[in-house]
């Protein structure tokens, strides 16, 4: 069993002993801490709650909503929803905050409480730390019976979300309709199975083949939308006559696309393509992604006369830098598109609408659109750690070794080598060092990764 407490929320496997997994006492403890934090900083008393379709979601939701009511808060429950939909609902309802019950791309035995502020954005590091401090103090005071909060189940927010997307100036329903796309979708039997078909219908897409769109939480494959988990839909597209494949994760904040021949467009290139389209209409606009994302976004941004900026890994860090730099588009290389004209959160639905408009106006197959972008290859590796390893000193030694190269240390260590780079960072959720490399060929990216892995092992051995 596993329980991970971080500033972005509480994530764990369902069951086991309290404090070791995401058990009912743990759910109540952290929901109460979050609710207490809201009460300490806002006069607002409404909180939005929504969940993805995983099997444990209903149980977790009952515990969360009852706990918030016990604090005197008024719960607006969206039921089955998506992460970006809950984010939008927080501001629409003028709520104090919101909780999304989802473990995102984690397997079915996991669930989590993802915490939002009054802007419908993930908590900052400082705010998240305050919530954890309240939880550890275990000194939450609940209200008496006559002051209990109310509960309201509220439907229709998926439709509201989609209506907001269709109202965006850069979403062109007529262009999409005219192309008469045939699209295959894989929604991993979660809430994307509700939202994505609804969106495509609203955009005028009439030919949609649905795979795994029953929101029952029975994930048919590993739910993280990586190429190795998309073999089924890839084979269907390869054998069929589709213009595009669309895959989302369980809470619909990550978007991965497949071209008409069944090959993956590239999760790194979802943001690149959408940014290219947005920048055509905002020449000179700035963009932001995190340090582990492809440099193709920088290339596309500079082509349109804008500036590219890199943040520390994590959606909250990307959003903070986007606001600082006035970015017109941003996100993360895991298929996460953040379009501030709608809201500051990763949103697969707005990503779909913008990409389809882009592809419709491009007028050629998706493979040709993909071929129009700089071609980089990324290698993702990791090294398992033991408690005795001082990760900080290891990264310091790597920094010293490569001090003559351009280095960024805002989040781990990123080292640039002409058209190649490596990013080393400690995972926030697992006892590992993640090693990302990118180059103009996979062989070069893999070789660079092996070189850094060898360096790290040598440093660890020397320090042992």
Protein backbone atom coordinates (compact mmCIF):
# COMPACT_ATOMS: atom_id res chain seq x y z
CA UNK A 1 0.00 0.00 0.00
CA UNK A 2 1.13 3.54 -0.63
CA UNK A 3 0.17 7.02 0.57
CA UNK A 4 1.89 10.07 -0.93
CA UNK A 5 1.35 13.44 0.74
CA UNK A 6 2.44 16.38 -1.35
CA UNK A 7 1.60 20.04 -1.82
CA UNK A 8 -0.51 19.16 -4.86
CA UNK A 9 -2.76 16.79 -2.93
CA UNK A 10 -3.03 13.36 -1.37
CA UNK A 11 -2.53 10.30 -3.55
CA UNK A 12 -2.54 6.66 -2.59
CA UNK A 13 -3.69 3.11 -3.13
CA UNK A 14 -7.10 2.28 -1.74
CA UNK A 15 -7.19 0.15 1.40
CA UNK A 16 -4.70 -1.13 3.95
CA UNK A 17 -3.86 0.42 7.28
CA UNK A 18 -4.50 4.05 8.10
CA UNK A 19 -1.48 6.15 7.21
CA UNK A 20 -0.16 3.54 4.80
CA UNK A 21 -2.80 3.70 2.05
CA UNK A 22 -5.66 5.96 1.06
CA UNK A 23 -8.04 4.68 3.71
CA UNK A 24 -11.30 6.31 4.95
CA UNK A 25 -9.54 7.89 7.98
CA UNK A 26 -6.87 9.36 5.68
CA UNK A 27 -9.48 10.72 3.27
CA UNK A 28 -11.35 12.39 6.14
CA UNK A 29 -8.14 13.72 7.70
CA UNK A 30 -6.93 15.51 4.57
CA UNK A 31 -10.35 16.65 3.38
CA UNK A 32 -10.85 18.18 6.83
CA UNK A 33 -7.45 19.89 6.70
CA UNK A 34 -8.25 21.35 3.29
CA UNK A 35 -11.68 22.51 4.41
CA UNK A 36 -10.20 24.13 7.51
CA UNK A 37 -7.62 25.89 5.35
CA UNK A 38 -10.41 27.28 3.14
CA UNK A 39 -12.31 28.55 6.18
CA UNK A 40 -9.20 30.28 7.52
CA UNK A 41 -8.70 32.37 4.40
CA UNK A 42 -12.09 33.03 2.81
CA UNK A 43 -15.60 34.10 3.74
CA UNK A 44 -16.92 31.96 0.89
CA UNK A 45 -18.56 28.75 2.03
CA UNK A 46 -19.09 26.84 -1.23
CA UNK A 47 -16.75 24.06 -2.39
CA UNK A 48 -16.97 22.23 -5.74
CA UNK A 49 -16.33 18.47 -5.82
CA UNK A 50 -16.09 16.19 -8.85
CA UNK A 51 -14.56 12.80 -9.67
CA UNK A 52 -13.37 10.56 -12.45
CA UNK A 53 -14.99 7.15 -12.99
CA UNK A 54 -12.61 4.87 -11.10
CA UNK A 55 -14.36 2.29 -8.91
CA UNK A 56 -13.31 3.84 -5.58
CA UNK A 57 -14.50 7.31 -6.61
CA UNK A 58 -18.01 7.11 -5.22
CA UNK A 59 -16.78 5.95 -1.81
CA UNK A 60 -14.10 8.64 -1.66
CA UNK A 61 -16.59 11.30 -2.77
CA UNK A 62 -19.06 10.40 -0.02
CA UNK A 63 -16.33 10.73 2.61
CA UNK A 64 -15.06 14.03 1.21
CA UNK A 65 -18.45 15.68 0.88
CA UNK A 66 -19.61 14.56 4.34
CA UNK A 67 -16.37 15.84 5.89
CA UNK A 68 -16.74 19.23 4.22
CA UNK A 69 -20.34 19.45 5.39
CA UNK A 70 -19.15 18.62 8.89
CA UNK A 71 -17.06 21.77 8.76
CA UNK A 72 -20.07 23.86 7.79
CA UNK A 73 -19.13 24.10 4.11
CA UNK A 74 -21.70 23.87 1.30
CA UNK A 75 -20.80 21.23 -1.25
CA UNK A 76 -21.60 21.51 -4.96
CA UNK A 77 -21.12 17.98 -6.28
CA UNK A 78 -20.63 17.66 -10.05
CA UNK A 79 -20.50 13.87 -9.82
CA UNK A 80 -18.70 12.26 -12.77
CA UNK A 81 -16.66 15.06 -14.28
CA UNK A 82 -13.22 16.02 -15.57
CA UNK A 83 -10.42 17.90 -13.86
CA UNK A 84 -10.69 20.95 -16.16
CA UNK A 85 -14.48 20.99 -15.77
CA UNK A 86 -14.17 21.17 -11.98
CA UNK A 87 -11.60 23.94 -12.35
CA UNK A 88 -14.00 25.97 -14.49
CA UNK A 89 -16.91 25.28 -12.10
CA UNK A 90 -14.98 26.71 -9.12
CA UNK A 91 -14.86 30.16 -10.71
CA UNK A 92 -18.35 29.95 -12.24
CA UNK A 93 -19.80 29.11 -8.83
CA UNK A 94 -17.61 31.71 -7.10
CA UNK A 95 -16.57 28.94 -4.72
CA UNK A 96 -13.85 29.00 -2.07
CA UNK A 97 -12.12 26.08 -3.79
CA UNK A 98 -12.58 22.62 -5.19
CA UNK A 99 -11.50 19.01 -4.91
CA UNK A 100 -11.06 16.68 -7.88
CA UNK A 101 -11.17 13.05 -6.83
CA UNK A 102 -8.84 11.41 -9.33
CA UNK A 103 -5.46 9.73 -9.44
CA UNK A 104 -5.06 10.97 -13.01
CA UNK A 105 -2.94 8.50 -15.01
CA UNK A 106 -2.34 6.08 -12.10
CA UNK A 107 -3.78 2.52 -12.27
CA UNK A 108 -7.25 1.65 -10.97
CA UNK A 109 -6.18 0.80 -7.40
CA UNK A 110 -5.09 4.42 -6.88
CA UNK A 111 -7.13 7.49 -6.09
CA UNK A 112 -6.36 11.01 -4.91
CA UNK A 113 -7.64 14.35 -3.68
CA UNK A 114 -6.37 17.12 -6.00
CA UNK A 115 -6.89 20.49 -4.34
CA UNK A 116 -7.87 23.79 -5.96
CA UNK A 117 -7.91 27.40 -4.79
CA UNK A 118 -10.65 29.97 -5.43
CA UNK A 119 -9.31 30.57 -8.97
CA UNK A 120 -9.80 26.92 -9.88
CA UNK A 121 -6.03 26.40 -9.97
CA UNK A 122 -3.85 23.93 -8.09
CA UNK A 123 -2.50 25.15 -4.77
CA UNK A 124 0.84 26.91 -4.62
CA UNK A 125 3.68 25.28 -2.71
CA UNK A 126 3.08 27.57 0.27
CA UNK A 127 -0.67 26.91 0.35
CA UNK A 128 -0.22 23.17 -0.05
CA UNK A 129 2.28 23.14 2.81
CA UNK A 130 -0.27 24.90 5.06
CA UNK A 131 -2.86 22.20 4.32
CA UNK A 132 -0.36 19.47 5.20
CA UNK A 133 0.56 21.27 8.43
CA UNK A 134 -3.11 21.44 9.45
CA UNK A 135 -3.48 17.72 8.74
CA UNK A 136 -0.42 16.81 10.81
CA UNK A 137 -1.54 19.00 13.71
CA UNK A 138 -4.76 16.96 13.83
CA UNK A 139 -6.63 19.83 15.48
CA UNK A 140 -9.62 20.37 13.21
CA UNK A 141 -12.85 21.53 14.84
CA UNK A 142 -16.16 20.46 13.30
CA UNK A 143 -19.47 22.32 13.64
CA UNK A 144 -22.53 21.37 15.67
CA UNK A 145 -25.59 19.89 13.97
CA UNK A 146 -27.49 23.15 13.36
CA UNK A 147 -24.49 24.58 11.49
CA UNK A 148 -23.79 21.64 9.18
CA UNK A 149 -23.16 22.53 5.55
CA UNK A 150 -25.59 21.69 2.77
CA UNK A 151 -25.16 19.40 -0.23
CA UNK A 152 -26.19 20.03 -3.82
CA UNK A 153 -25.77 17.64 -6.75
CA UNK A 154 -25.35 19.79 -9.83
CA UNK A 155 -25.35 18.42 -13.36
CA UNK A 156 -24.78 20.08 -16.70
CA UNK A 157 -21.22 21.33 -16.18
CA UNK A 158 -19.71 19.21 -18.94
CA UNK A 159 -22.10 20.91 -21.34
CA UNK A 160 -21.22 24.35 -19.89
CA UNK A 161 -17.53 23.56 -20.35
CA UNK A 162 -18.09 22.58 -23.99
CA UNK A 163 -20.17 25.69 -24.66
CA UNK A 164 -17.31 27.85 -23.38
CA UNK A 165 -14.92 26.03 -25.73
CA UNK A 166 -17.16 26.55 -28.75
CA UNK A 167 -17.41 30.25 -27.92
CA UNK A 168 -13.63 30.71 -28.24
CA UNK A 169 -12.69 32.79 -31.33
CA UNK A 170 -9.99 30.31 -32.42
CA UNK A 171 -12.36 27.31 -32.39
CA UNK A 172 -13.91 27.05 -35.86
CA UNK A 173 -16.82 24.62 -35.90
CA UNK A 174 -17.60 25.31 -39.56
CA UNK A 175 -14.07 24.39 -40.65
CA UNK A 176 -14.16 21.18 -38.61
CA UNK A 177 -17.60 20.26 -39.93
CA UNK A 178 -16.51 20.86 -43.51
CA UNK A 179 -13.57 18.43 -43.21
CA UNK A 180 -15.98 15.60 -42.26
CA UNK A 181 -13.38 13.95 -40.04
CA UNK A 182 -13.56 10.27 -39.12
CA UNK A 183 -12.16 9.97 -35.59
CA UNK A 184 -11.45 7.04 -33.26
CA UNK A 185 -11.37 7.72 -29.51
CA UNK A 186 -10.12 5.81 -26.47
CA UNK A 187 -11.36 7.21 -23.14
CA UNK A 188 -10.14 4.36 -20.91
CA UNK A 189 -13.67 3.82 -19.50
CA UNK A 190 -13.58 7.02 -17.47
CA UNK A 191 -15.24 10.41 -17.72
CA UNK A 192 -13.67 11.17 -21.09
CA UNK A 193 -16.23 8.67 -22.36
CA UNK A 194 -18.89 11.23 -21.49
CA UNK A 195 -17.06 14.45 -22.36
CA UNK A 196 -15.16 13.66 -25.57
CA UNK A 197 -18.13 12.32 -27.61
CA UNK A 198 -20.20 15.26 -26.38
CA UNK A 199 -17.51 17.70 -27.52
CA UNK A 200 -17.04 16.06 -30.92
CA UNK A 201 -20.78 16.13 -31.57
CA UNK A 202 -20.89 19.81 -30.62
CA UNK A 203 -18.02 20.46 -33.05
CA UNK A 204 -19.95 18.82 -35.88
CA UNK A 205 -17.91 15.60 -36.09
CA UNK A 206 -20.37 12.95 -37.24
CA UNK A 207 -18.08 9.94 -37.77
CA UNK A 208 -16.81 8.86 -34.34
CA UNK A 209 -15.75 5.32 -33.42
CA UNK A 210 -15.81 4.95 -29.64
CA UNK A 211 -13.53 2.55 -27.79
CA UNK A 212 -13.61 2.19 -23.99
CA UNK A 213 -16.10 5.00 -23.45
CA UNK A 214 -18.24 3.37 -20.73
CA UNK A 215 -17.50 5.40 -17.54
CA UNK A 216 -17.43 2.40 -15.19
CA UNK A 217 -13.81 2.70 -14.06
CA UNK A 218 -12.81 -0.67 -15.52
CA UNK A 219 -9.61 0.48 -17.18
CA UNK A 220 -8.94 -1.86 -20.14
CA UNK A 221 -5.21 -1.04 -20.16
CA UNK A 222 -2.73 1.05 -18.22
CA UNK A 223 -4.48 4.45 -18.22
CA UNK A 224 -1.39 6.55 -18.83
CA UNK A 225 -1.60 7.57 -22.51
CA UNK A 226 1.85 6.41 -23.57
CA UNK A 227 2.55 4.63 -26.91
CA UNK A 228 3.02 1.23 -25.25
CA UNK A 229 -0.50 1.48 -23.78
CA UNK A 230 -2.19 2.51 -27.03
CA UNK A 231 -1.62 -0.58 -29.16
CA UNK A 232 -5.34 -1.44 -29.40
CA UNK A 233 -6.55 1.88 -30.81
CA UNK A 234 -3.43 2.12 -32.95
CA UNK A 235 -4.26 -1.20 -34.62
CA UNK A 236 -7.88 -0.14 -35.14
CA UNK A 237 -6.81 3.08 -36.86
CA UNK A 238 -4.21 1.27 -38.94
CA UNK A 239 -6.87 -1.14 -40.25
CA UNK A 240 -9.66 1.42 -40.59
CA UNK A 241 -10.21 4.65 -42.43
CA UNK A 242 -9.74 7.34 -39.80
CA UNK A 243 -8.31 10.83 -40.02
CA UNK A 244 -7.26 10.93 -36.37
CA UNK A 245 -7.18 9.08 -33.08
CA UNK A 246 -7.84 10.83 -29.77
CA UNK A 247 -6.83 9.41 -26.38
CA UNK A 248 -7.32 11.01 -22.96
CA UNK A 249 -6.38 9.96 -19.45
CA UNK A 250 -9.01 9.19 -16.76
CA UNK A 251 -9.51 12.82 -15.65
CA UNK A 252 -9.21 14.33 -19.17
CA UNK A 253 -6.38 16.79 -18.60
CA UNK A 254 -3.91 15.00 -20.91
CA UNK A 255 -4.40 14.63 -24.66
CA UNK A 256 -2.57 12.25 -26.98
CA UNK A 257 -3.25 12.04 -30.72
CA UNK A 258 -2.69 9.38 -33.37
CA UNK A 259 -2.29 10.06 -37.08
CA UNK A 260 -4.30 8.44 -39.87
CA UNK A 261 -1.82 5.54 -40.16
CA UNK A 262 -2.10 4.61 -36.47
CA UNK A 263 1.21 6.10 -35.34
CA UNK A 264 1.32 8.31 -32.28
CA UNK A 265 1.53 12.02 -33.10
CA UNK A 266 3.65 12.31 -29.97
CA UNK A 267 2.45 13.45 -26.54
CA UNK A 268 5.20 16.10 -26.62
CA UNK A 269 3.82 17.39 -29.91
CA UNK A 270 0.21 17.87 -28.80
CA UNK A 271 1.20 21.18 -27.22
CA UNK A 272 3.57 22.04 -30.08
CA UNK A 273 0.80 21.72 -32.71
CA UNK A 274 -1.79 23.61 -30.67
CA UNK A 275 0.74 26.33 -29.88
CA UNK A 276 1.61 26.65 -33.57
CA UNK A 277 -2.05 27.28 -34.37
CA UNK A 278 -2.55 29.78 -31.53
CA UNK A 279 0.67 31.65 -32.38
CA UNK A 280 -0.42 32.08 -35.99
CA UNK A 281 -3.19 34.25 -34.59
CA UNK A 282 -0.99 35.85 -31.90
CA UNK A 283 2.37 36.48 -33.63
CA UNK A 284 5.01 37.50 -31.14
CA UNK A 285 3.17 35.75 -28.33
CA UNK A 286 5.07 34.01 -25.55
CA UNK A 287 4.86 30.35 -24.57
CA UNK A 288 5.78 28.30 -21.49
CA UNK A 289 6.38 24.62 -20.83
CA UNK A 290 8.36 22.81 -18.18
CA UNK A 291 12.06 21.95 -18.29
CA UNK A 292 11.35 18.33 -19.27
CA UNK A 293 9.31 19.23 -22.36
CA UNK A 294 10.51 19.21 -25.96
CA UNK A 295 12.54 22.08 -27.37
CA UNK A 296 10.29 21.94 -30.45
CA UNK A 297 7.98 24.39 -28.64
CA UNK A 298 10.83 26.89 -28.40
CA UNK A 299 11.53 26.47 -32.12
CA UNK A 300 7.88 27.02 -33.08
CA UNK A 301 7.56 30.02 -30.73
CA UNK A 302 10.64 31.72 -32.13
CA UNK A 303 9.41 31.05 -35.69
CA UNK A 304 6.35 33.15 -34.84
CA UNK A 305 8.48 35.90 -33.28
CA UNK A 306 7.71 35.10 -29.65
CA UNK A 307 9.76 34.11 -26.62
CA UNK A 308 9.77 30.69 -24.99
CA UNK A 309 10.23 30.23 -21.25
CA UNK A 310 10.80 27.06 -19.21
CA UNK A 311 9.39 26.51 -15.72
CA UNK A 312 9.99 23.94 -13.03
CA UNK A 313 8.04 20.71 -13.53
CA UNK A 314 4.45 20.83 -12.28
CA UNK A 315 1.30 22.47 -13.57
CA UNK A 316 1.26 25.12 -10.84
CA UNK A 317 4.78 26.21 -11.85
CA UNK A 318 3.86 26.39 -15.53
CA UNK A 319 0.78 28.50 -14.72
CA UNK A 320 2.74 30.86 -12.48
CA UNK A 321 5.32 31.51 -15.22
CA UNK A 322 2.63 31.84 -17.90
CA UNK A 323 1.03 34.62 -15.89
CA UNK A 324 4.39 36.31 -15.27
CA UNK A 325 5.35 36.24 -18.96
CA UNK A 326 1.87 36.85 -20.39
CA UNK A 327 2.00 33.60 -22.36
CA UNK A 328 -0.79 33.02 -24.89
CA UNK A 329 -0.41 29.24 -24.69
CA UNK A 330 1.52 26.82 -22.51
CA UNK A 331 1.46 23.44 -20.87
CA UNK A 332 3.51 20.32 -20.36
CA UNK A 333 4.99 17.74 -22.69
CA UNK A 334 2.76 14.98 -21.34
CA UNK A 335 -0.10 16.12 -23.59
CA UNK A 336 -1.17 18.90 -21.24
CA UNK A 337 -2.47 22.03 -23.00
CA UNK A 338 -3.12 25.20 -20.98
CA UNK A 339 -5.05 27.87 -22.89
CA UNK A 340 -5.49 30.92 -20.62
CA UNK A 341 -8.28 32.43 -22.72
CA UNK A 342 -10.45 29.63 -21.29
CA UNK A 343 -8.75 28.95 -17.93
CA UNK A 344 -5.36 28.25 -16.35
CA UNK A 345 -5.42 24.47 -16.24
CA UNK A 346 -4.45 21.52 -18.43
CA UNK A 347 -7.49 20.77 -20.55
CA UNK A 348 -7.71 17.96 -23.11
CA UNK A 349 -11.11 19.18 -24.33
CA UNK A 350 -9.94 22.64 -25.39
CA UNK A 351 -6.82 20.96 -26.81
CA UNK A 352 -9.03 18.74 -29.00
CA UNK A 353 -11.06 21.70 -30.28
CA UNK A 354 -8.00 23.81 -31.12
CA UNK A 355 -6.14 20.91 -32.72
CA UNK A 356 -9.11 19.89 -34.89
CA UNK A 357 -9.50 23.48 -36.07
CA UNK A 358 -5.77 23.57 -36.87
CA UNK A 359 -5.92 20.24 -38.76
CA UNK A 360 -9.07 21.30 -40.63
CA UNK A 361 -7.48 24.55 -41.81
CA UNK A 362 -4.19 22.77 -42.61
CA UNK A 363 -6.14 20.75 -45.15
CA UNK A 364 -3.77 17.79 -45.27
CA UNK A 365 -3.40 14.53 -43.27
CA UNK A 366 -2.20 14.52 -39.67
CA UNK A 367 1.05 12.79 -40.67
CA UNK A 368 1.93 15.79 -42.84
CA UNK A 369 1.10 18.21 -40.04
CA UNK A 370 3.38 16.27 -37.71
CA UNK A 371 6.09 16.29 -40.36
CA UNK A 372 5.97 20.09 -40.52
CA UNK A 373 7.50 20.40 -37.02
CA UNK A 374 11.13 20.03 -35.90
CA UNK A 375 11.76 16.38 -35.17
CA UNK A 376 13.26 15.59 -31.79
CA UNK A 377 13.42 12.31 -29.90
CA UNK A 378 13.12 11.99 -26.15
CA UNK A 379 14.45 9.24 -23.93
CA UNK A 380 12.94 8.89 -20.44
CA UNK A 381 14.81 6.89 -17.83
CA UNK A 382 15.16 6.65 -14.08
CA UNK A 383 17.52 5.44 -11.36
CA UNK A 384 16.15 3.82 -8.20
CA UNK A 385 17.36 5.40 -4.97
CA UNK A 386 18.08 4.05 -1.51
CA UNK A 387 17.49 6.07 1.68
CA UNK A 388 21.24 6.46 2.22
CA UNK A 389 21.78 8.37 -1.06
CA UNK A 390 22.05 12.15 -0.76
CA UNK A 391 20.40 13.19 -4.02
CA UNK A 392 21.33 16.83 -3.56
CA UNK A 393 25.03 16.07 -3.39
CA UNK A 394 24.76 13.81 -6.45
CA UNK A 395 23.13 16.57 -8.50
CA UNK A 396 25.71 19.07 -7.21
CA UNK A 397 28.48 16.77 -8.43
CA UNK A 398 26.84 16.50 -11.88
CA UNK A 399 26.56 20.30 -12.01
CA UNK A 400 30.25 20.62 -11.19
CA UNK A 401 31.23 18.03 -13.80
CA UNK A 402 29.38 19.87 -16.59
CA UNK A 403 29.90 23.44 -15.37
CA UNK A 404 31.15 24.62 -18.78
CA UNK A 405 27.76 23.83 -20.39
CA UNK A 406 24.60 25.98 -20.08
CA UNK A 407 22.91 24.77 -16.88
CA UNK A 408 19.50 25.47 -15.31
CA UNK A 409 19.00 24.49 -11.66
CA UNK A 410 15.49 25.80 -10.90
CA UNK A 411 14.25 22.18 -10.76
CA UNK A 412 16.96 19.58 -10.47
CA UNK A 413 19.66 20.06 -13.11
CA UNK A 414 19.14 20.68 -16.83
CA UNK A 415 22.25 20.68 -19.02
CA UNK A 416 22.24 21.78 -22.67
CA UNK A 417 24.59 20.40 -25.34
CA UNK A 418 23.92 22.26 -28.61
CA UNK A 419 20.77 20.55 -29.99
CA UNK A 420 20.67 18.04 -27.11
CA UNK A 421 19.76 18.36 -23.45
CA UNK A 422 19.45 16.28 -20.29
CA UNK A 423 17.23 17.02 -17.30
CA UNK A 424 17.82 15.27 -13.97
CA UNK A 425 15.34 15.68 -11.16
CA UNK A 426 14.22 13.94 -8.01
CA UNK A 427 10.67 12.58 -8.31
CA UNK A 428 8.09 14.10 -5.97
CA UNK A 429 6.14 10.86 -5.80
CA UNK A 430 8.69 8.02 -6.04
CA UNK A 431 12.19 7.32 -4.62
CA UNK A 432 13.93 7.82 -7.97
CA UNK A 433 15.93 10.29 -10.05
CA UNK A 434 14.22 10.89 -13.39
CA UNK A 435 16.50 11.33 -16.39
CA UNK A 436 15.08 12.99 -19.50
CA UNK A 437 17.19 13.48 -22.60
CA UNK A 438 16.31 14.90 -26.01
CA UNK A 439 18.23 14.91 -29.28
CA UNK A 440 17.73 14.84 -33.04
CA UNK A 441 17.83 11.03 -33.06
CA UNK A 442 16.71 8.39 -30.55
CA UNK A 443 20.15 6.77 -30.64
CA UNK A 444 21.77 10.04 -29.58
CA UNK A 445 19.15 10.64 -26.88
CA UNK A 446 19.63 7.11 -25.51
CA UNK A 447 23.42 7.45 -25.58
CA UNK A 448 23.24 10.73 -23.69
CA UNK A 449 20.97 9.11 -21.09
CA UNK A 450 23.37 6.18 -20.68
CA UNK A 451 26.27 8.59 -20.24
CA UNK A 452 24.49 10.48 -17.44
CA UNK A 453 23.34 7.26 -15.77
CA UNK A 454 26.96 6.10 -15.78
CA UNK A 455 28.08 9.43 -14.31
CA UNK A 456 25.48 9.20 -11.53
CA UNK A 457 26.41 5.62 -10.64
CA UNK A 458 30.08 6.57 -10.51
CA UNK A 459 29.33 9.51 -8.20
CA UNK A 460 27.18 7.32 -5.92
CA UNK A 461 29.94 4.70 -5.75
CA UNK A 462 32.53 7.35 -4.87
CA UNK A 463 30.34 8.70 -2.08
CA UNK A 464 29.52 5.25 -0.64
